[in-house]
Amino acid sequence: MYNRHGPVPDDDQPTQGVIQPAEIDATERYVCSLIGLGAMAGVLLLFYPLLLAVTRPFQQLSITALVFVLVTVWLLVWLGTELVWEWQTGRLFP
């Protein structure tokens, strides 16, 4: 017996249309990343003395810790902005 590879419609099952998610434009990604970058710059400008004081105990790694915190803020704001954008456009939960 030979079985074909790939999707084969079953005669017993009704064929249903598959709903494809809407494509996300690259502009949305760029805008969300820039919003995250702006938020990271705002955190840096507002809390720079506090961030330096918090990372001082790391001594040689204080700048690495500072960069890690700022990149984490950037990525979290970026992810949050994309999730809110998708939710508002109705693509998050079809």
N, C-alpha and C. Protein backbone atom coordinates (compact mmCIF):
# COMPACT_ATOMS: atom_id res chain seq x y z
N MET A 1 0.84 -1.16 0.00
CA MET A 1 0.00 0.00 0.00
C MET A 1 0.90 1.24 0.00
N TYR A 2 0.54 2.25 -0.77
CA TYR A 2 1.32 3.47 -0.90
C TYR A 2 0.56 4.62 -0.27
N ASN A 3 1.23 5.35 0.61
CA ASN A 3 0.65 6.53 1.24
C ASN A 3 1.31 7.77 0.66
N ARG A 4 0.51 8.67 0.11
CA ARG A 4 1.06 9.91 -0.42
C ARG A 4 1.50 10.82 0.71
N HIS A 5 2.59 11.54 0.47
CA HIS A 5 3.06 12.52 1.44
C HIS A 5 2.32 13.83 1.24
N GLY A 6 2.17 14.54 2.31
CA GLY A 6 1.51 15.83 2.22
C GLY A 6 0.06 15.74 2.62
N PRO A 7 -0.61 16.87 2.64
CA PRO A 7 -2.00 16.89 3.06
C PRO A 7 -2.91 16.27 2.00
N VAL A 8 -3.64 15.28 2.42
CA VAL A 8 -4.60 14.62 1.54
C VAL A 8 -5.97 14.79 2.18
N PRO A 9 -6.92 15.37 1.46
CA PRO A 9 -8.25 15.53 2.06
C PRO A 9 -8.89 14.18 2.33
N ASP A 10 -9.46 14.06 3.51
CA ASP A 10 -10.16 12.85 3.90
C ASP A 10 -11.61 12.98 3.45
N ASP A 11 -12.13 11.96 2.80
CA ASP A 11 -13.49 12.03 2.27
C ASP A 11 -14.53 12.08 3.38
N ASP A 12 -14.17 11.55 4.55
CA ASP A 12 -15.12 11.53 5.66
C ASP A 12 -15.19 12.87 6.40
N GLN A 13 -14.14 13.63 6.32
CA GLN A 13 -14.08 14.90 7.03
C GLN A 13 -14.41 16.06 6.09
N PRO A 14 -15.24 17.00 6.52
CA PRO A 14 -15.50 18.17 5.67
C PRO A 14 -14.24 19.05 5.61
N THR A 15 -14.00 19.58 4.45
CA THR A 15 -12.85 20.45 4.27
C THR A 15 -13.19 21.84 4.78
N GLN A 16 -12.36 22.34 5.67
CA GLN A 16 -12.59 23.66 6.23
C GLN A 16 -11.49 24.58 5.74
N GLY A 17 -11.84 25.82 5.54
CA GLY A 17 -10.84 26.80 5.12
C GLY A 17 -9.91 27.15 6.27
N VAL A 18 -8.66 27.23 5.99
CA VAL A 18 -7.68 27.59 7.01
C VAL A 18 -7.52 29.09 7.01
N ILE A 19 -7.64 29.68 8.16
CA ILE A 19 -7.51 31.13 8.28
C ILE A 19 -6.04 31.44 8.49
N GLN A 20 -5.48 32.19 7.57
CA GLN A 20 -4.08 32.59 7.67
C GLN A 20 -3.98 33.90 8.44
N PRO A 21 -3.01 33.99 9.36
CA PRO A 21 -2.85 35.26 10.08
C PRO A 21 -2.37 36.35 9.14
N ALA A 22 -2.76 37.57 9.44
CA ALA A 22 -2.35 38.70 8.62
C ALA A 22 -0.84 38.91 8.75
N GLU A 23 -0.22 39.30 7.65
CA GLU A 23 1.21 39.53 7.68
C GLU A 23 1.53 40.79 8.45
N ILE A 24 2.64 40.76 9.15
CA ILE A 24 3.08 41.91 9.93
C ILE A 24 4.09 42.66 9.10
N ASP A 25 3.83 43.93 8.91
CA ASP A 25 4.70 44.77 8.11
C ASP A 25 5.99 45.05 8.88
N ALA A 26 7.10 45.16 8.17
CA ALA A 26 8.39 45.44 8.80
C ALA A 26 8.40 46.81 9.47
N THR A 27 7.58 47.72 8.98
CA THR A 27 7.51 49.05 9.58
C THR A 27 7.03 48.97 11.03
N GLU A 28 6.10 48.07 11.31
CA GLU A 28 5.62 47.90 12.68
C GLU A 28 6.76 47.47 13.59
N ARG A 29 7.58 46.56 13.12
CA ARG A 29 8.72 46.09 13.92
C ARG A 29 9.70 47.24 14.19
N TYR A 30 9.98 48.03 13.16
CA TYR A 30 10.91 49.14 13.33
C TYR A 30 10.37 50.17 14.30
N VAL A 31 9.09 50.48 14.20
CA VAL A 31 8.49 51.48 15.09
C VAL A 31 8.51 50.97 16.53
N CYS A 32 8.18 49.71 16.74
CA CYS A 32 8.19 49.15 18.09
C CYS A 32 9.60 49.12 18.67
N SER A 33 10.58 48.80 17.84
CA SER A 33 11.96 48.79 18.34
C SER A 33 12.43 50.20 18.68
N LEU A 34 12.02 51.18 17.88
CA LEU A 34 12.40 52.57 18.18
C LEU A 34 11.71 53.08 19.43
N ILE A 35 10.49 52.66 19.68
CA ILE A 35 9.81 53.03 20.92
C ILE A 35 10.55 52.44 22.11
N GLY A 36 10.97 51.18 21.98
CA GLY A 36 11.75 50.54 23.04
C GLY A 36 13.08 51.23 23.26
N LEU A 37 13.73 51.62 22.17
CA LEU A 37 15.01 52.32 22.27
C LEU A 37 14.83 53.68 22.93
N GLY A 38 13.76 54.37 22.60
CA GLY A 38 13.47 55.66 23.23
C GLY A 38 13.19 55.51 24.72
N ALA A 39 12.46 54.45 25.08
CA ALA A 39 12.19 54.21 26.50
C ALA A 39 13.47 53.89 27.24
N MET A 40 14.36 53.13 26.60
CA MET A 40 15.64 52.82 27.22
C MET A 40 16.47 54.08 27.41
N ALA A 41 16.47 54.96 26.42
CA ALA A 41 17.20 56.22 26.54
C ALA A 41 16.60 57.08 27.65
N GLY A 42 15.28 57.07 27.78
CA GLY A 42 14.63 57.82 28.86
C GLY A 42 15.00 57.28 30.23
N VAL A 43 15.03 55.95 30.36
CA VAL A 43 15.45 55.35 31.63
C VAL A 43 16.89 55.72 31.93
N LEU A 44 17.73 55.69 30.91
CA LEU A 44 19.14 56.05 31.11
C LEU A 44 19.29 57.50 31.56
N LEU A 45 18.57 58.40 30.92
CA LEU A 45 18.67 59.82 31.28
C LEU A 45 18.10 60.12 32.66
N LEU A 46 16.99 59.49 33.00
CA LEU A 46 16.34 59.78 34.28
C LEU A 46 17.02 59.10 35.47
N PHE A 47 17.49 57.89 35.26
CA PHE A 47 17.98 57.09 36.38
C PHE A 47 19.46 56.76 36.31
N TYR A 48 20.24 57.52 35.55
CA TYR A 48 21.66 57.21 35.40
C TYR A 48 22.41 57.18 36.74
N PRO A 49 22.25 58.19 37.60
CA PRO A 49 22.97 58.11 38.89
C PRO A 49 22.54 56.91 39.73
N LEU A 50 21.25 56.61 39.72
CA LEU A 50 20.76 55.46 40.48
C LEU A 50 21.29 54.15 39.90
N LEU A 51 21.30 54.04 38.57
CA LEU A 51 21.82 52.83 37.94
C LEU A 51 23.31 52.63 38.24
N LEU A 52 24.07 53.72 38.24
CA LEU A 52 25.48 53.60 38.59
C LEU A 52 25.67 53.18 40.04
N ALA A 53 24.86 53.72 40.93
CA ALA A 53 24.97 53.36 42.34
C ALA A 53 24.60 51.89 42.57
N VAL A 54 23.61 51.41 41.85
CA VAL A 54 23.19 50.01 42.01
C VAL A 54 24.23 49.05 41.44
N THR A 55 24.90 49.43 40.37
CA THR A 55 25.86 48.52 39.74
C THR A 55 27.27 48.65 40.30
N ARG A 56 27.53 49.60 41.19
CA ARG A 56 28.87 49.77 41.77
C ARG A 56 29.39 48.51 42.48
N PRO A 57 28.56 47.75 43.20
CA PRO A 57 29.10 46.56 43.89
C PRO A 57 29.70 45.52 42.94
N PHE A 58 29.38 45.57 41.65
CA PHE A 58 29.93 44.60 40.71
C PHE A 58 31.37 44.93 40.31
N GLN A 59 31.89 46.06 40.74
CA GLN A 59 33.26 46.52 40.50
C GLN A 59 33.62 46.50 39.01
N GLN A 60 34.41 45.52 38.58
CA GLN A 60 34.87 45.47 37.19
C GLN A 60 33.73 45.21 36.21
N LEU A 61 32.68 44.57 36.67
CA LEU A 61 31.56 44.25 35.79
C LEU A 61 30.42 45.26 35.89
N SER A 62 30.65 46.40 36.48
CA SER A 62 29.56 47.36 36.67
C SER A 62 29.02 47.89 35.34
N ILE A 63 29.90 48.15 34.38
CA ILE A 63 29.43 48.64 33.08
C ILE A 63 28.68 47.52 32.35
N THR A 64 29.15 46.28 32.48
CA THR A 64 28.46 45.14 31.86
C THR A 64 27.07 44.99 32.46
N ALA A 65 26.96 45.13 33.78
CA ALA A 65 25.65 45.04 34.43
C ALA A 65 24.74 46.17 33.98
N LEU A 66 25.31 47.37 33.83
CA LEU A 66 24.53 48.51 33.37
C LEU A 66 24.00 48.28 31.96
N VAL A 67 24.86 47.79 31.08
CA VAL A 67 24.44 47.51 29.71
C VAL A 67 23.39 46.40 29.70
N PHE A 68 23.57 45.38 30.52
CA PHE A 68 22.59 44.30 30.60
C PHE A 68 21.22 44.82 31.03
N VAL A 69 21.19 45.69 32.02
CA VAL A 69 19.92 46.26 32.49
C VAL A 69 19.27 47.09 31.39
N LEU A 70 20.06 47.90 30.70
CA LEU A 70 19.49 48.76 29.65
C LEU A 70 18.99 47.95 28.46
N VAL A 71 19.71 46.92 28.07
CA VAL A 71 19.25 46.07 26.96
C VAL A 71 17.99 45.31 27.36
N THR A 72 17.93 44.89 28.62
CA THR A 72 16.72 44.20 29.10
C THR A 72 15.52 45.14 29.07
N VAL A 73 15.70 46.38 29.48
CA VAL A 73 14.61 47.37 29.42
C VAL A 73 14.18 47.57 27.98
N TRP A 74 15.15 47.71 27.08
CA TRP A 74 14.82 47.91 25.66
C TRP A 74 14.00 46.75 25.12
N LEU A 75 14.45 45.52 25.36
CA LEU A 75 13.74 44.36 24.82
C LEU A 75 12.36 44.17 25.44
N LEU A 76 12.23 44.42 26.73
CA LEU A 76 10.92 44.28 27.37
C LEU A 76 9.91 45.31 26.87
N VAL A 77 10.37 46.55 26.69
CA VAL A 77 9.47 47.58 26.16
C VAL A 77 9.12 47.26 24.71
N TRP A 78 10.09 46.79 23.93
CA TRP A 78 9.85 46.40 22.55
C TRP A 78 8.80 45.29 22.49
N LEU A 79 8.98 44.25 23.28
CA LEU A 79 8.03 43.14 23.29
C LEU A 79 6.65 43.61 23.74
N GLY A 80 6.60 44.43 24.79
CA GLY A 80 5.31 44.94 25.27
C GLY A 80 4.61 45.79 24.23
N THR A 81 5.37 46.62 23.53
CA THR A 81 4.78 47.46 22.49
C THR A 81 4.23 46.62 21.35
N GLU A 82 4.96 45.59 20.95
CA GLU A 82 4.46 44.72 19.88
C GLU A 82 3.21 43.98 20.30
N LEU A 83 3.17 43.51 21.54
CA LEU A 83 1.98 42.80 22.02
C LEU A 83 0.77 43.73 22.06
N VAL A 84 0.95 44.95 22.53
CA VAL A 84 -0.16 45.91 22.56
C VAL A 84 -0.61 46.24 21.15
N TRP A 85 0.33 46.43 20.23
CA TRP A 85 0.00 46.73 18.84
C TRP A 85 -0.81 45.58 18.22
N GLU A 86 -0.37 44.35 18.43
CA GLU A 86 -1.09 43.21 17.88
C GLU A 86 -2.47 43.07 18.50
N TRP A 87 -2.57 43.35 19.79
CA TRP A 87 -3.85 43.26 20.46
C TRP A 87 -4.81 44.32 19.93
N GLN A 88 -4.31 45.54 19.70
CA GLN A 88 -5.16 46.61 19.21
C GLN A 88 -5.63 46.37 17.77
N THR A 89 -4.79 45.73 16.96
CA THR A 89 -5.18 45.46 15.57
C THR A 89 -6.02 44.19 15.44
N GLY A 90 -6.15 43.44 16.53
CA GLY A 90 -6.98 42.25 16.50
C GLY A 90 -6.29 41.02 15.96
N ARG A 91 -4.97 41.07 15.81
CA ARG A 91 -4.25 39.91 15.28
C ARG A 91 -3.73 39.00 16.38
N LEU A 92 -3.80 39.42 17.63
CA LEU A 92 -3.26 38.61 18.70
C LEU A 92 -4.16 37.42 18.99
N PHE A 93 -5.46 37.66 19.06
CA PHE A 93 -6.43 36.59 19.29
C PHE A 93 -7.46 36.63 18.17
N PRO A 94 -7.25 35.83 17.11
CA PRO A 94 -8.18 35.88 15.97
C PRO A 94 -9.55 35.35 16.32
